Amino acid sequence: MQEPEDLPERDSKSERKRQMLALQKIGEVLVNLPAPQLAQIPLESQLLDAIQEARGLKSDESRRRQLQYIGKLMRHVDAQSITEALDKVQLKGQYTKAKFHQVERWRDQLIAQGDNSLQEFLAKHPEADSQQLRQLVRNAQKDAKTGKNTGADTALFRYLRTVIE
């Protein structure tokens, strides 16, 4: 008879269930991911087919069963590489949002403060065309004062986005 020390360590049933639910949650994230982002993640064809099928299901119960199936399939693939790719895709999305908010803040600051923040922006981004930027800021300020929407703030936003990126 083997000593208890010689037996291989096995995860408890609760631990296996937690791991299974974690894989199912990853599968749920994959199902809810936009198609362009899903395409960036390396998935086996059977898993990808199951994900595509889950996207089309309307019934909550059938979707739940499909997610369980996806979790089952996830046990037989390299979940680590999938989670790394998923993290990379999600970080890229967060980076894009942060850049967008930065451009928005600059636009709002330039419209509100004018020349003071314009000089600050030009100091941080010397490659920007100061004359064009001044004109765009002036037009956006004029729109803000008159309450009209000629698209000057959008034009300013687009220009700032190209300069910052």
C-alpha atoms as a PDB file:
ATOM      1  CA  MET A   1       0.000   0.000   0.000  1.00  0.00           C
ATOM      2  CA  GLN A   2       1.275   3.472  -0.857  1.00  0.00           C
ATOM      3  CA  GLU A   3       2.039   6.004   1.758  1.00  0.00           C
ATOM      4  CA  PRO A   4      -0.091   9.194   1.596  1.00  0.00           C
ATOM      5  CA  GLU A   5       3.080  11.141   0.729  1.00  0.00           C
ATOM      6  CA  ASP A   6       3.667   9.025  -2.384  1.00  0.00           C
ATOM      7  CA  LEU A   7       0.267   9.677  -3.904  1.00  0.00           C
ATOM      8  CA  PRO A   8       0.101  12.386  -6.572  1.00  0.00           C
ATOM      9  CA  GLU A   9      -1.581  15.564  -5.421  1.00  0.00           C
ATOM     10  CA  ARG A  10      -5.003  16.071  -6.945  1.00  0.00           C
ATOM     11  CA  ASP A  11      -7.087  19.180  -6.911  1.00  0.00           C
ATOM     12  CA  SER A  12     -10.168  19.012  -4.782  1.00  0.00           C
ATOM     13  CA  LYS A  13     -13.554  18.858  -6.449  1.00  0.00           C
ATOM     14  CA  SER A  14     -14.213  22.456  -5.393  1.00  0.00           C
ATOM     15  CA  GLU A  15     -10.941  23.611  -6.959  1.00  0.00           C
ATOM     16  CA  ARG A  16     -11.718  21.809 -10.225  1.00  0.00           C
ATOM     17  CA  LYS A  17     -15.148  23.447 -10.263  1.00  0.00           C
ATOM     18  CA  ARG A  18     -13.612  26.899  -9.704  1.00  0.00           C
ATOM     19  CA  GLN A  19     -11.204  26.293 -12.589  1.00  0.00           C
ATOM     20  CA  MET A  20     -14.058  25.133 -14.807  1.00  0.00           C
ATOM     21  CA  LEU A  21     -16.145  28.219 -13.964  1.00  0.00           C
ATOM     22  CA  ALA A  22     -13.133  30.459 -14.649  1.00  0.00           C
ATOM     23  CA  LEU A  23     -12.744  28.893 -18.097  1.00  0.00           C
ATOM     24  CA  GLN A  24     -16.467  29.347 -18.689  1.00  0.00           C
ATOM     25  CA  LYS A  25     -16.151  33.060 -17.753  1.00  0.00           C
ATOM     26  CA  ILE A  26     -13.318  33.437 -20.267  1.00  0.00           C
ATOM     27  CA  GLY A  27     -15.576  31.802 -22.847  1.00  0.00           C
ATOM     28  CA  GLU A  28     -18.340  34.275 -21.987  1.00  0.00           C
ATOM     29  CA  VAL A  29     -15.943  37.178 -22.473  1.00  0.00           C
ATOM     30  CA  LEU A  30     -14.962  35.733 -25.856  1.00  0.00           C
ATOM     31  CA  VAL A  31     -18.634  35.446 -26.864  1.00  0.00           C
ATOM     32  CA  ASN A  32     -19.269  39.109 -25.976  1.00  0.00           C
ATOM     33  CA  LEU A  33     -16.132  40.372 -27.738  1.00  0.00           C
ATOM     34  CA  PRO A  34     -16.595  42.368 -30.971  1.00  0.00           C
ATOM     35  CA  ALA A  35     -15.749  40.363 -34.103  1.00  0.00           C
ATOM     36  CA  PRO A  36     -12.562  42.317 -35.026  1.00  0.00           C
ATOM     37  CA  GLN A  37     -11.133  41.746 -31.553  1.00  0.00           C
ATOM     38  CA  LEU A  38     -12.154  38.086 -31.542  1.00  0.00           C
ATOM     39  CA  ALA A  39     -10.289  37.605 -34.814  1.00  0.00           C
ATOM     40  CA  GLN A  40      -7.052  38.669 -33.079  1.00  0.00           C
ATOM     41  CA  ILE A  41      -7.251  35.801 -30.588  1.00  0.00           C
ATOM     42  CA  PRO A  42      -5.835  32.404 -31.612  1.00  0.00           C
ATOM     43  CA  LEU A  43      -8.664  29.881 -31.242  1.00  0.00           C
ATOM     44  CA  GLU A  44      -9.135  26.337 -32.435  1.00  0.00           C
ATOM     45  CA  SER A  45     -11.820  25.936 -35.074  1.00  0.00           C
ATOM     46  CA  GLN A  46     -14.157  23.886 -32.865  1.00  0.00           C
ATOM     47  CA  LEU A  47     -13.998  26.509 -30.099  1.00  0.00           C
ATOM     48  CA  LEU A  48     -14.475  29.345 -32.574  1.00  0.00           C
ATOM     49  CA  ASP A  49     -17.528  27.597 -34.059  1.00  0.00           C
ATOM     50  CA  ALA A  50     -19.020  27.167 -30.576  1.00  0.00           C
ATOM     51  CA  ILE A  51     -18.430  30.863 -29.832  1.00  0.00           C
ATOM     52  CA  GLN A  52     -20.047  31.904 -33.117  1.00  0.00           C
ATOM     53  CA  GLU A  53     -23.043  29.699 -32.363  1.00  0.00           C
ATOM     54  CA  ALA A  54     -23.419  31.166 -28.866  1.00  0.00           C
ATOM     55  CA  ARG A  55     -23.523  34.661 -30.363  1.00  0.00           C
ATOM     56  CA  GLY A  56     -26.603  33.751 -32.361  1.00  0.00           C
ATOM     57  CA  LEU A  57     -28.593  32.204 -29.528  1.00  0.00           C
ATOM     58  CA  LYS A  58     -31.478  34.243 -28.132  1.00  0.00           C
ATOM     59  CA  SER A  59     -32.797  31.996 -25.371  1.00  0.00           C
ATOM     60  CA  ASP A  60     -31.054  32.438 -22.019  1.00  0.00           C
ATOM     61  CA  GLU A  61     -31.150  28.729 -21.283  1.00  0.00           C
ATOM     62  CA  SER A  62     -29.678  27.670 -24.619  1.00  0.00           C
ATOM     63  CA  ARG A  63     -27.014  30.356 -24.275  1.00  0.00           C
ATOM     64  CA  ARG A  64     -26.161  29.091 -20.772  1.00  0.00           C
ATOM     65  CA  ARG A  65     -25.795  25.522 -22.071  1.00  0.00           C
ATOM     66  CA  GLN A  66     -23.646  26.723 -24.959  1.00  0.00           C
ATOM     67  CA  LEU A  67     -21.410  28.634 -22.521  1.00  0.00           C
ATOM     68  CA  GLN A  68     -21.013  25.448 -20.498  1.00  0.00           C
ATOM     69  CA  TYR A  69     -20.004  23.659 -23.690  1.00  0.00           C
ATOM     70  CA  ILE A  70     -17.493  26.399 -24.458  1.00  0.00           C
ATOM     71  CA  GLY A  71     -16.097  25.982 -20.934  1.00  0.00           C
ATOM     72  CA  LYS A  72     -15.752  22.250 -21.592  1.00  0.00           C
ATOM     73  CA  LEU A  73     -13.899  22.915 -24.848  1.00  0.00           C
ATOM     74  CA  MET A  74     -11.657  25.427 -23.062  1.00  0.00           C
ATOM     75  CA  ARG A  75     -10.396  22.620 -20.777  1.00  0.00           C
ATOM     76  CA  HIS A  76      -8.757  20.948 -23.779  1.00  0.00           C
ATOM     77  CA  VAL A  77      -7.000  23.997 -25.253  1.00  0.00           C
ATOM     78  CA  ASP A  78      -4.190  26.229 -24.049  1.00  0.00           C
ATOM     79  CA  ALA A  79      -6.247  28.655 -21.979  1.00  0.00           C
ATOM     80  CA  GLN A  80      -3.143  30.583 -20.924  1.00  0.00           C
ATOM     81  CA  SER A  81      -2.375  31.770 -24.475  1.00  0.00           C
ATOM     82  CA  ILE A  82      -6.039  32.708 -24.968  1.00  0.00           C
ATOM     83  CA  THR A  83      -6.122  34.775 -21.767  1.00  0.00           C
ATOM     84  CA  GLU A  84      -2.841  36.497 -22.688  1.00  0.00           C
ATOM     85  CA  ALA A  85      -4.204  37.406 -26.130  1.00  0.00           C
ATOM     86  CA  LEU A  86      -7.467  38.539 -24.540  1.00  0.00           C
ATOM     87  CA  ASP A  87      -5.596  40.729 -22.051  1.00  0.00           C
ATOM     88  CA  LYS A  88      -3.577  42.256 -24.885  1.00  0.00           C
ATOM     89  CA  VAL A  89      -6.726  43.042 -26.882  1.00  0.00           C
ATOM     90  CA  GLN A  90      -8.451  44.544 -23.845  1.00  0.00           C
ATOM     91  CA  LEU A  91      -5.375  46.633 -22.932  1.00  0.00           C
ATOM     92  CA  LYS A  92      -5.269  47.960 -26.463  1.00  0.00           C
ATOM     93  CA  GLY A  93      -8.908  49.000 -26.112  1.00  0.00           C
ATOM     94  CA  GLN A  94      -8.184  50.735 -22.813  1.00  0.00           C
ATOM     95  CA  TYR A  95      -5.198  52.523 -24.383  1.00  0.00           C
ATOM     96  CA  THR A  96      -7.371  53.704 -27.258  1.00  0.00           C
ATOM     97  CA  LYS A  97     -10.017  55.008 -24.839  1.00  0.00           C
ATOM     98  CA  ALA A  98      -7.373  56.807 -22.789  1.00  0.00           C
ATOM     99  CA  LYS A  99      -5.998  58.511 -25.916  1.00  0.00           C
ATOM    100  CA  PHE A 100      -9.511  59.515 -26.943  1.00  0.00           C
ATOM    101  CA  HIS A 101     -10.178  61.070 -23.522  1.00  0.00           C
ATOM    102  CA  GLN A 102      -6.841  62.875 -23.625  1.00  0.00           C
ATOM    103  CA  VAL A 103      -7.750  64.460 -26.970  1.00  0.00           C
ATOM    104  CA  GLU A 104     -11.170  65.417 -25.615  1.00  0.00           C
ATOM    105  CA  ARG A 105      -9.594  67.095 -22.568  1.00  0.00           C
ATOM    106  CA  TRP A 106      -7.182  69.075 -24.761  1.00  0.00           C
ATOM    107  CA  ARG A 107     -10.032  70.186 -27.037  1.00  0.00           C
ATOM    108  CA  ASP A 108     -12.180  71.331 -24.113  1.00  0.00           C
ATOM    109  CA  GLN A 109      -9.233  73.044 -22.455  1.00  0.00           C
ATOM    110  CA  LEU A 110      -8.229  74.858 -25.657  1.00  0.00           C
ATOM    111  CA  ILE A 111     -11.784  76.094 -26.216  1.00  0.00           C
ATOM    112  CA  ALA A 112     -12.194  77.219 -22.612  1.00  0.00           C
ATOM    113  CA  GLN A 113      -8.773  78.781 -21.958  1.00  0.00           C
ATOM    114  CA  GLY A 114      -7.585  79.880 -25.384  1.00  0.00           C
ATOM    115  CA  ASP A 115      -4.015  81.138 -25.785  1.00  0.00           C
ATOM    116  CA  ASN A 116      -2.696  79.985 -22.405  1.00  0.00           C
ATOM    117  CA  SER A 117      -3.485  76.345 -23.049  1.00  0.00           C
ATOM    118  CA  LEU A 118      -2.546  76.766 -26.721  1.00  0.00           C
ATOM    119  CA  GLN A 119       1.018  77.667 -25.706  1.00  0.00           C
ATOM    120  CA  GLU A 120       1.085  74.697 -23.333  1.00  0.00           C
ATOM    121  CA  PHE A 121      -0.112  72.351 -26.084  1.00  0.00           C
ATOM    122  CA  LEU A 122       2.447  73.701 -28.565  1.00  0.00           C
ATOM    123  CA  ALA A 123       5.218  73.235 -25.990  1.00  0.00           C
ATOM    124  CA  LYS A 124       4.253  69.565 -25.599  1.00  0.00           C
ATOM    125  CA  HIS A 125       3.656  69.028 -29.323  1.00  0.00           C
ATOM    126  CA  PRO A 126       6.026  71.276 -31.297  1.00  0.00           C
ATOM    127  CA  GLU A 127       5.188  69.483 -34.553  1.00  0.00           C
ATOM    128  CA  ALA A 128       1.696  71.022 -34.538  1.00  0.00           C
ATOM    129  CA  ASP A 129       0.955  73.837 -36.971  1.00  0.00           C
ATOM    130  CA  SER A 130       0.340  76.765 -34.613  1.00  0.00           C
ATOM    131  CA  GLN A 131      -1.462  78.906 -37.200  1.00  0.00           C
ATOM    132  CA  GLN A 132      -3.914  76.162 -38.161  1.00  0.00           C
ATOM    133  CA  LEU A 133      -4.455  75.245 -34.516  1.00  0.00           C
ATOM    134  CA  ARG A 134      -5.161  78.882 -33.562  1.00  0.00           C
ATOM    135  CA  GLN A 135      -7.713  79.144 -36.361  1.00  0.00           C
ATOM    136  CA  LEU A 136      -9.452  75.927 -35.312  1.00  0.00           C
ATOM    137  CA  VAL A 137      -9.555  77.041 -31.658  1.00  0.00           C
ATOM    138  CA  ARG A 138     -10.933  80.461 -32.649  1.00  0.00           C
ATOM    139  CA  ASN A 139     -13.677  78.872 -34.757  1.00  0.00           C
ATOM    140  CA  ALA A 140     -14.622  76.470 -31.957  1.00  0.00           C
ATOM    141  CA  GLN A 141     -14.721  79.323 -29.413  1.00  0.00           C
ATOM    142  CA  LYS A 142     -16.942  81.323 -31.760  1.00  0.00           C
ATOM    143  CA  ASP A 143     -19.327  78.370 -32.069  1.00  0.00           C
ATOM    144  CA  ALA A 144     -19.432  77.992 -28.288  1.00  0.00           C
ATOM    145  CA  LYS A 145     -20.267  81.690 -27.793  1.00  0.00           C
ATOM    146  CA  THR A 146     -22.959  81.848 -30.443  1.00  0.00           C
ATOM    147  CA  GLY A 147     -24.424  78.427 -29.683  1.00  0.00           C
ATOM    148  CA  LYS A 148     -24.106  77.335 -33.296  1.00  0.00           C
ATOM    149  CA  ASN A 149     -22.761  73.991 -34.384  1.00  0.00           C
ATOM    150  CA  THR A 150     -20.709  74.441 -37.535  1.00  0.00           C
ATOM    151  CA  GLY A 151     -18.491  71.464 -36.737  1.00  0.00           C
ATOM    152  CA  ALA A 152     -15.527  73.544 -35.624  1.00  0.00           C
ATOM    153  CA  ASP A 153     -15.110  71.590 -32.383  1.00  0.00           C
ATOM    154  CA  THR A 154     -15.111  68.337 -34.371  1.00  0.00           C
ATOM    155  CA  ALA A 155     -12.500  69.719 -36.753  1.00  0.00           C
ATOM    156  CA  LEU A 156     -10.385  70.780 -33.774  1.00  0.00           C
ATOM    157  CA  PHE A 157     -10.766  67.309 -32.230  1.00  0.00           C
ATOM    158  CA  ARG A 158      -9.668  65.597 -35.448  1.00  0.00           C
ATOM    159  CA  TYR A 159      -6.644  67.837 -35.804  1.00  0.00           C
ATOM    160  CA  LEU A 160      -5.615  67.277 -32.175  1.00  0.00           C
ATOM    161  CA  ARG A 161      -6.016  63.526 -32.619  1.00  0.00           C
ATOM    162  CA  THR A 162      -3.683  63.479 -35.620  1.00  0.00           C
ATOM    163  CA  VAL A 163      -1.098  65.583 -33.784  1.00  0.00           C
ATOM    164  CA  ILE A 164      -1.203  63.532 -30.576  1.00  0.00           C
ATOM    165  CA  GLU A 165      -1.089  60.164 -32.347  1.00  0.00           C
END
